[in-house]
């Protein structure tokens, strides 16, 4: 009361703002501690690569991605720009063969890891539930046929939780049976939430890990807590506001220009509320965001509304919610950039899973 009476509420508010700015942003400190330069120990093939979330997680965990594959050129351009050593395949994945992949990747040795997040719209709860008969569902089958042909030591498959419940779970059961019969691999599956791993976003995804029959994997279990840099200083749930600080001048930080009517509408939306015109949610800064989404297949991106400013989040701000470090730059049009971010596996979540996989491989007598 003394400060408010003698110096005014504006002075007090400004002073608190300065104090808050001096607080360490543990999320950005952790995020940008993951380097573009790492020491690789294992190799990796990436299919249905998108903007490279799984690839970046593999990179952080010491897996060198030799080949990335996506039908959208802007997506593989993004990965190539950030991980220059990769080879690129931009045609339809349905035409890929095991021999062609080995040729493109320029490798004859054993493949350590194959990662993929095949198109998930066929299984997503955002639209009508479709089965594996959907053309995009058939790409999932193609992935496991390639696993059977290439015989990597381990594979990692990611998809939306809706895959477990489509057709009352029958398709997921059929998929697991198909994987077992097609590959003979030892399978592990789970559902993980990015928010449980120090990422400021509630994002549930399912993961299937398969080890080749000759790999001893009894020690494998999915991670349950964050590891890596500064893990012991992370809050239970990372507030989304940490992803929005110190963004000026960063790549992909282009602020969308809205009409006065849209800005006024956004201003009226409470934090945690939804804009009726765009169906975009305004972030609650003290909580993780909801799931970053791309909108309908025809409609492009649907970014969140900034909690303090009457505008949509930028690509960079959205990428931070997904745990992409600031040095990772997205190529293509702005819509393509939003779609890459929205479709991605959070790199730090991928890193957690792949770090456990790496430990299993390190424990092998297999070279």
Protein backbone atom coordinates (compact mmCIF):
# COMPACT_ATOMS: atom_id res chain seq x y z
CA UNK A 1 0.00 0.00 0.00
CA UNK A 2 2.86 2.40 0.83
CA UNK A 3 4.40 2.05 -2.66
CA UNK A 4 1.03 2.32 -4.38
CA UNK A 5 0.12 5.43 -2.37
CA UNK A 6 3.39 7.30 -2.78
CA UNK A 7 4.56 6.16 -6.20
CA UNK A 8 1.37 5.10 -7.99
CA UNK A 9 0.18 1.79 -9.42
CA UNK A 10 1.85 2.40 -12.81
CA UNK A 11 5.28 2.77 -11.20
CA UNK A 12 4.72 -0.37 -9.14
CA UNK A 13 3.54 -2.34 -12.15
CA UNK A 14 6.53 -1.21 -14.19
CA UNK A 15 8.92 -2.16 -11.41
CA UNK A 16 7.44 -5.64 -11.14
CA UNK A 17 7.71 -6.04 -14.91
CA UNK A 18 11.43 -5.25 -14.77
CA UNK A 19 11.91 -7.75 -11.95
CA UNK A 20 10.04 -10.42 -13.87
CA UNK A 21 12.12 -9.81 -16.99
CA UNK A 22 15.26 -10.47 -14.95
CA UNK A 23 14.03 -13.91 -13.98
CA UNK A 24 15.74 -16.73 -15.82
CA UNK A 25 13.61 -18.29 -18.54
CA UNK A 26 14.44 -21.91 -17.78
CA UNK A 27 12.55 -23.17 -20.83
CA UNK A 28 14.48 -21.08 -23.36
CA UNK A 29 17.72 -21.82 -21.54
CA UNK A 30 17.04 -25.55 -21.84
CA UNK A 31 15.66 -25.35 -25.38
CA UNK A 32 18.62 -23.50 -26.84
CA UNK A 33 21.16 -25.63 -24.99
CA UNK A 34 20.48 -28.33 -27.60
CA UNK A 35 23.10 -27.70 -30.25
CA UNK A 36 23.20 -27.94 -34.02
CA UNK A 37 26.58 -29.62 -33.57
CA UNK A 38 26.47 -33.09 -32.00
CA UNK A 39 28.57 -36.25 -32.02
CA UNK A 40 26.76 -38.97 -33.94
CA UNK A 41 26.99 -42.61 -32.94
CA UNK A 42 24.19 -44.26 -34.93
CA UNK A 43 22.51 -43.87 -38.32
CA UNK A 44 18.87 -43.19 -39.10
CA UNK A 45 16.39 -43.19 -42.00
CA UNK A 46 13.39 -40.86 -41.82
CA UNK A 47 10.13 -41.46 -43.70
CA UNK A 48 7.11 -39.11 -43.84
CA UNK A 49 9.49 -36.59 -42.33
CA UNK A 50 7.35 -33.44 -42.35
CA UNK A 51 9.25 -30.47 -40.95
CA UNK A 52 11.71 -32.64 -39.03
CA UNK A 53 10.52 -32.93 -35.42
CA UNK A 54 11.47 -36.61 -35.15
CA UNK A 55 14.67 -35.96 -37.10
CA UNK A 56 15.71 -33.19 -34.75
CA UNK A 57 15.00 -35.38 -31.73
CA UNK A 58 17.12 -38.11 -33.32
CA UNK A 59 19.87 -35.56 -33.95
CA UNK A 60 19.85 -34.51 -30.29
CA UNK A 61 20.05 -38.18 -29.24
CA UNK A 62 23.09 -38.88 -31.46
CA UNK A 63 21.42 -40.46 -34.50
CA UNK A 64 22.61 -39.17 -37.89
CA UNK A 65 19.70 -39.01 -40.33
CA UNK A 66 20.98 -40.05 -43.76
CA UNK A 67 17.72 -39.78 -45.71
CA UNK A 68 14.55 -37.74 -45.23
CA UNK A 69 11.40 -38.33 -47.25
CA UNK A 70 8.32 -36.19 -47.78
CA UNK A 71 6.17 -35.40 -50.79
CA UNK A 72 6.14 -31.66 -49.95
CA UNK A 73 9.44 -30.04 -51.08
CA UNK A 74 9.27 -27.19 -48.54
CA UNK A 75 9.33 -29.71 -45.70
CA UNK A 76 12.50 -31.48 -46.78
CA UNK A 77 14.04 -28.09 -47.64
CA UNK A 78 13.56 -27.17 -44.00
CA UNK A 79 15.35 -30.29 -42.77
CA UNK A 80 18.14 -29.94 -45.34
CA UNK A 81 18.72 -26.31 -44.33
CA UNK A 82 19.12 -27.27 -40.68
CA UNK A 83 20.77 -30.69 -41.06
CA UNK A 84 22.78 -30.20 -44.29
CA UNK A 85 24.19 -33.74 -44.42
CA UNK A 86 20.84 -35.41 -45.21
CA UNK A 87 19.83 -36.79 -48.60
CA UNK A 88 16.30 -35.95 -49.76
CA UNK A 89 13.46 -37.87 -51.44
CA UNK A 90 10.43 -35.83 -52.55
CA UNK A 91 8.26 -38.28 -54.46
CA UNK A 92 5.34 -40.43 -53.33
CA UNK A 93 6.42 -42.74 -50.51
CA UNK A 94 4.19 -45.48 -51.90
CA UNK A 95 6.80 -45.92 -54.67
CA UNK A 96 9.72 -46.43 -52.29
CA UNK A 97 11.42 -49.81 -52.01
CA UNK A 98 14.04 -51.06 -49.58
CA UNK A 99 16.64 -51.11 -52.36
CA UNK A 100 15.80 -47.55 -53.42
CA UNK A 101 16.10 -46.28 -49.85
CA UNK A 102 19.54 -47.86 -49.45
CA UNK A 103 20.62 -46.33 -52.76
CA UNK A 104 19.34 -42.85 -51.84
CA UNK A 105 20.94 -43.02 -48.39
CA UNK A 106 24.20 -44.33 -49.88
CA UNK A 107 24.49 -47.05 -47.28
CA UNK A 108 25.14 -50.78 -47.35
CA UNK A 109 25.65 -51.29 -43.62
CA UNK A 110 23.12 -52.23 -40.98
CA UNK A 111 20.45 -49.58 -40.42
CA UNK A 112 20.22 -48.60 -36.77
CA UNK A 113 16.93 -46.71 -36.72
CA UNK A 114 13.96 -45.85 -38.94
CA UNK A 115 11.60 -43.13 -37.74
CA UNK A 116 8.25 -42.04 -39.15
CA UNK A 117 5.03 -40.24 -38.42
CA UNK A 118 2.83 -41.26 -41.38
CA UNK A 119 -0.07 -38.93 -42.26
CA UNK A 120 -2.40 -39.00 -39.29
CA UNK A 121 -5.50 -37.31 -40.72
CA UNK A 122 -7.05 -40.70 -41.48
CA UNK A 123 -7.11 -41.42 -37.74
CA UNK A 124 -7.47 -37.97 -36.23
CA UNK A 125 -10.32 -37.09 -33.90
CA UNK A 126 -10.52 -33.71 -35.67
CA UNK A 127 -12.59 -35.14 -38.50
CA UNK A 128 -14.55 -38.24 -39.34
CA UNK A 129 -12.90 -41.42 -38.10
CA UNK A 130 -11.62 -43.36 -41.06
CA UNK A 131 -10.02 -46.75 -41.32
CA UNK A 132 -6.80 -48.09 -42.77
CA UNK A 133 -8.62 -48.23 -46.12
CA UNK A 134 -8.09 -44.46 -46.39
CA UNK A 135 -5.17 -43.77 -48.82
CA UNK A 136 -3.29 -42.06 -45.99
CA UNK A 137 -3.87 -45.11 -43.81
CA UNK A 138 -2.28 -47.30 -46.49
CA UNK A 139 0.91 -45.27 -46.11
CA UNK A 140 1.11 -46.63 -42.57
CA UNK A 141 1.02 -50.16 -44.00
CA UNK A 142 3.72 -49.14 -46.50
CA UNK A 143 5.97 -48.00 -43.66
CA UNK A 144 5.92 -51.40 -41.99
CA UNK A 145 6.47 -53.19 -45.29
CA UNK A 146 9.65 -51.11 -45.64
CA UNK A 147 10.65 -52.02 -42.08
CA UNK A 148 10.33 -55.68 -43.06
CA UNK A 149 12.52 -55.14 -46.12
CA UNK A 150 15.20 -52.95 -44.51
CA UNK A 151 15.37 -54.73 -41.14
CA UNK A 152 16.68 -51.86 -38.98
CA UNK A 153 17.73 -52.62 -35.44
CA UNK A 154 14.82 -50.53 -34.17
CA UNK A 155 11.96 -48.43 -35.49
CA UNK A 156 9.93 -45.59 -33.96
CA UNK A 157 6.38 -44.91 -35.18
CA UNK A 158 4.30 -41.91 -34.05
CA UNK A 159 0.65 -41.10 -34.59
CA UNK A 160 -2.42 -39.49 -33.05
CA UNK A 161 -4.28 -41.09 -30.12
CA UNK A 162 -7.32 -41.51 -32.37
CA UNK A 163 -5.51 -44.40 -34.03
CA UNK A 164 -6.13 -46.46 -30.88
CA UNK A 165 -9.90 -45.95 -30.96
CA UNK A 166 -10.87 -45.71 -34.63
CA UNK A 167 -13.46 -48.42 -35.45
CA UNK A 168 -13.71 -49.13 -31.71
CA UNK A 169 -10.02 -50.06 -31.53
CA UNK A 170 -10.32 -52.81 -34.13
CA UNK A 171 -8.01 -51.10 -36.63
CA UNK A 172 -5.30 -50.58 -34.01
CA UNK A 173 -5.45 -54.23 -32.98
CA UNK A 174 -5.28 -55.25 -36.62
CA UNK A 175 -2.33 -52.92 -37.17
CA UNK A 176 -0.39 -54.42 -34.27
CA UNK A 177 -1.07 -57.93 -35.56
CA UNK A 178 0.06 -56.85 -39.02
CA UNK A 179 3.30 -55.38 -37.64
CA UNK A 180 4.06 -58.57 -35.72
CA UNK A 181 3.37 -60.84 -38.68
CA UNK A 182 5.12 -58.58 -41.21
CA UNK A 183 8.27 -57.81 -39.20
CA UNK A 184 8.53 -60.24 -36.28
CA UNK A 185 9.77 -57.32 -34.17
CA UNK A 186 9.44 -57.02 -30.40
CA UNK A 187 6.84 -54.29 -29.89
CA UNK A 188 6.31 -51.66 -27.21
CA UNK A 189 3.56 -49.05 -27.33
CA UNK A 190 2.37 -46.17 -25.19
CA UNK A 191 0.67 -42.78 -25.17
CA UNK A 192 2.73 -39.79 -24.01
CA UNK A 193 1.88 -36.15 -23.32
CA UNK A 194 4.49 -33.53 -24.26
CA UNK A 195 3.51 -31.45 -21.22
CA UNK A 196 4.92 -34.17 -18.94
CA UNK A 197 8.40 -33.57 -20.39
CA UNK A 198 8.95 -29.86 -19.77
CA UNK A 199 7.28 -28.76 -23.01
CA UNK A 200 4.70 -25.92 -22.76
CA UNK A 201 2.00 -27.77 -24.68
CA UNK A 202 -0.61 -30.41 -23.90
CA UNK A 203 -0.07 -32.80 -26.80
CA UNK A 204 -0.84 -36.50 -26.57
CA UNK A 205 0.57 -38.87 -29.16
CA UNK A 206 0.98 -42.63 -29.39
CA UNK A 207 4.34 -44.25 -30.04
CA UNK A 208 5.20 -47.75 -31.16
CA UNK A 209 8.80 -48.92 -30.80
CA UNK A 210 9.92 -52.15 -32.39
CA UNK A 211 13.23 -53.96 -31.86
CA UNK A 212 14.60 -56.53 -34.29
CA UNK A 213 14.35 -60.08 -32.89
CA UNK A 214 18.12 -60.33 -32.31
CA UNK A 215 18.23 -57.14 -30.22
CA UNK A 216 18.11 -57.61 -26.45
CA UNK A 217 15.61 -55.01 -25.30
CA UNK A 218 14.34 -56.20 -21.92
CA UNK A 219 15.75 -53.03 -20.34
CA UNK A 220 13.61 -50.80 -22.58
CA UNK A 221 10.80 -48.76 -21.12
CA UNK A 222 9.28 -45.52 -22.31
CA UNK A 223 10.42 -42.37 -20.48
CA UNK A 224 8.13 -40.86 -17.87
CA UNK A 225 10.07 -37.71 -16.91
CA UNK A 226 12.30 -35.21 -18.70
CA UNK A 227 16.05 -35.77 -18.76
CA UNK A 228 18.88 -33.89 -20.44
CA UNK A 229 20.01 -30.30 -19.75
CA UNK A 230 18.47 -28.58 -16.70
CA UNK A 231 15.84 -31.29 -16.28
CA UNK A 232 15.97 -31.00 -12.48
CA UNK A 233 14.96 -27.32 -12.59
CA UNK A 234 11.82 -27.71 -14.69
CA UNK A 235 8.36 -27.00 -13.23
CA UNK A 236 5.74 -29.74 -13.21
CA UNK A 237 3.94 -27.97 -16.08
CA UNK A 238 5.80 -25.48 -18.27
CA UNK A 239 3.79 -22.22 -18.69
CA UNK A 240 3.23 -21.20 -22.30
CA UNK A 241 4.37 -17.63 -21.55
CA UNK A 242 7.98 -18.86 -21.44
CA UNK A 243 7.75 -19.69 -25.14
CA UNK A 244 6.75 -16.12 -26.02
CA UNK A 245 9.65 -14.17 -24.53
CA UNK A 246 12.59 -12.61 -26.41
CA UNK A 247 11.33 -13.37 -29.92
CA UNK A 248 12.12 -10.07 -31.67
CA UNK A 249 14.47 -10.50 -34.62
CA UNK A 250 14.32 -14.30 -34.69
CA UNK A 251 13.76 -16.28 -37.92
CA UNK A 252 10.09 -16.98 -38.74
CA UNK A 253 8.98 -14.21 -36.36
CA UNK A 254 6.66 -12.50 -38.85
CA UNK A 255 3.63 -10.96 -37.16
CA UNK A 256 0.39 -11.38 -39.05
CA UNK A 257 -1.47 -8.15 -39.87
CA UNK A 258 -5.11 -8.37 -38.80
CA UNK A 259 -7.99 -6.06 -39.60
CA UNK A 260 -9.23 -3.72 -36.89
CA UNK A 261 -12.36 -5.86 -36.56
CA UNK A 262 -10.32 -9.02 -35.94
CA UNK A 263 -8.04 -7.25 -33.47
CA UNK A 264 -11.05 -5.98 -31.55
CA UNK A 265 -12.54 -9.47 -31.54
CA UNK A 266 -9.29 -10.99 -30.29
CA UNK A 267 -9.04 -8.37 -27.53
CA UNK A 268 -12.47 -9.41 -26.27
CA UNK A 269 -11.50 -13.09 -25.91
CA UNK A 270 -10.46 -13.92 -22.33
CA UNK A 271 -7.27 -15.87 -21.72
CA UNK A 272 -8.17 -19.52 -22.15
CA UNK A 273 -11.24 -18.58 -24.22
CA UNK A 274 -12.08 -19.18 -27.88
CA UNK A 275 -12.70 -16.72 -30.70
CA UNK A 276 -15.99 -17.58 -32.38
CA UNK A 277 -14.90 -16.22 -35.74
CA UNK A 278 -11.66 -18.16 -36.24
CA UNK A 279 -12.19 -20.92 -33.64
CA UNK A 280 -8.72 -20.05 -32.36
CA UNK A 281 -8.00 -20.30 -28.64
CA UNK A 282 -6.28 -17.58 -26.64
CA UNK A 283 -3.41 -18.92 -24.58
CA UNK A 284 -3.46 -19.00 -20.81
CA UNK A 285 0.07 -17.77 -20.10
CA UNK A 286 0.32 -19.59 -16.77
CA UNK A 287 -0.48 -23.00 -18.29
CA UNK A 288 0.81 -25.15 -21.16
CA UNK A 289 -0.98 -24.44 -24.42
CA UNK A 290 -3.49 -26.81 -25.92
CA UNK A 291 -2.42 -29.00 -28.82
CA UNK A 292 -0.85 -27.06 -31.68
CA UNK A 293 -2.94 -27.93 -34.74
CA UNK A 294 -2.89 -27.16 -38.44
CA UNK A 295 -6.63 -26.91 -39.06
CA UNK A 296 -8.42 -28.78 -41.81
CA UNK A 297 -6.58 -30.29 -44.76
CA UNK A 298 -8.04 -27.55 -46.96
CA UNK A 299 -7.83 -24.65 -44.55
CA UNK A 300 -4.22 -24.32 -43.53
CA UNK A 301 -3.10 -23.17 -40.10
CA UNK A 302 -5.13 -22.28 -37.00
CA UNK A 303 -2.60 -20.67 -34.66
CA UNK A 304 -3.36 -19.66 -31.09
CA UNK A 305 -4.15 -16.09 -30.09
CA UNK A 306 -1.38 -14.33 -28.17
CA UNK A 307 -2.35 -13.92 -24.49
CA UNK A 308 -1.18 -10.29 -24.26
CA UNK A 309 -1.55 -8.95 -27.82
CA UNK A 310 -4.58 -9.04 -30.18
CA UNK A 311 -2.94 -11.22 -32.82
CA UNK A 312 -2.20 -14.79 -33.81
CA UNK A 313 1.01 -16.44 -32.68
CA UNK A 314 3.84 -16.33 -35.18
CA UNK A 315 5.47 -19.41 -36.66
CA UNK A 316 8.44 -18.95 -34.29
CA UNK A 317 6.26 -18.64 -31.20
CA UNK A 318 4.31 -21.73 -32.25
CA UNK A 319 7.56 -23.60 -32.94
CA UNK A 320 8.70 -22.81 -29.41
CA UNK A 321 5.50 -24.35 -28.04
CA UNK A 322 6.55 -27.44 -30.00
CA UNK A 323 10.11 -27.30 -28.53
CA UNK A 324 12.01 -26.35 -31.70
CA UNK A 325 15.14 -24.35 -30.78
CA UNK A 326 15.52 -20.85 -32.19
CA UNK A 327 18.28 -21.88 -34.61
CA UNK A 328 15.91 -24.23 -36.45
CA UNK A 329 14.50 -22.26 -39.42
CA UNK A 330 11.41 -23.24 -41.43
CA UNK A 331 11.25 -22.96 -45.24
CA UNK A 332 8.31 -22.43 -47.59
CA UNK A 333 5.30 -20.14 -47.46
CA UNK A 334 3.96 -19.04 -44.10
CA UNK A 335 1.09 -21.52 -44.37
CA UNK A 336 3.60 -24.30 -45.14
CA UNK A 337 5.66 -23.22 -42.13
CA UNK A 338 2.64 -23.36 -39.82
CA UNK A 339 1.74 -26.78 -41.19
CA UNK A 340 5.25 -28.12 -40.61
CA UNK A 341 5.16 -26.95 -37.01
CA UNK A 342 1.61 -28.17 -36.38
CA UNK A 343 2.25 -31.65 -37.78
CA UNK A 344 5.55 -32.17 -35.97
CA UNK A 345 6.48 -34.42 -33.09
CA UNK A 346 7.94 -32.10 -30.41
CA UNK A 347 11.70 -32.59 -30.84
CA UNK A 348 12.36 -32.73 -27.10
CA UNK A 349 9.74 -35.47 -26.69
CA UNK A 350 11.33 -37.42 -29.55
CA UNK A 351 14.72 -36.89 -27.89
CA UNK A 352 13.50 -38.43 -24.63
CA UNK A 353 12.26 -41.59 -26.38
CA UNK A 354 15.29 -41.91 -28.64
CA UNK A 355 17.71 -41.44 -25.74
CA UNK A 356 16.24 -44.58 -24.14
CA UNK A 357 16.45 -46.40 -27.48
CA UNK A 358 20.09 -45.35 -27.82
CA UNK A 359 20.84 -46.79 -24.38
CA UNK A 360 19.42 -50.16 -25.48
CA UNK A 361 21.63 -50.12 -28.59
CA UNK A 362 24.68 -49.18 -26.53
CA UNK A 363 24.07 -52.23 -24.35
CA UNK A 364 24.17 -54.62 -27.30
CA UNK A 365 26.97 -56.90 -28.35
CA UNK A 366 25.73 -56.22 -31.89
CA UNK A 367 28.01 -53.85 -33.76
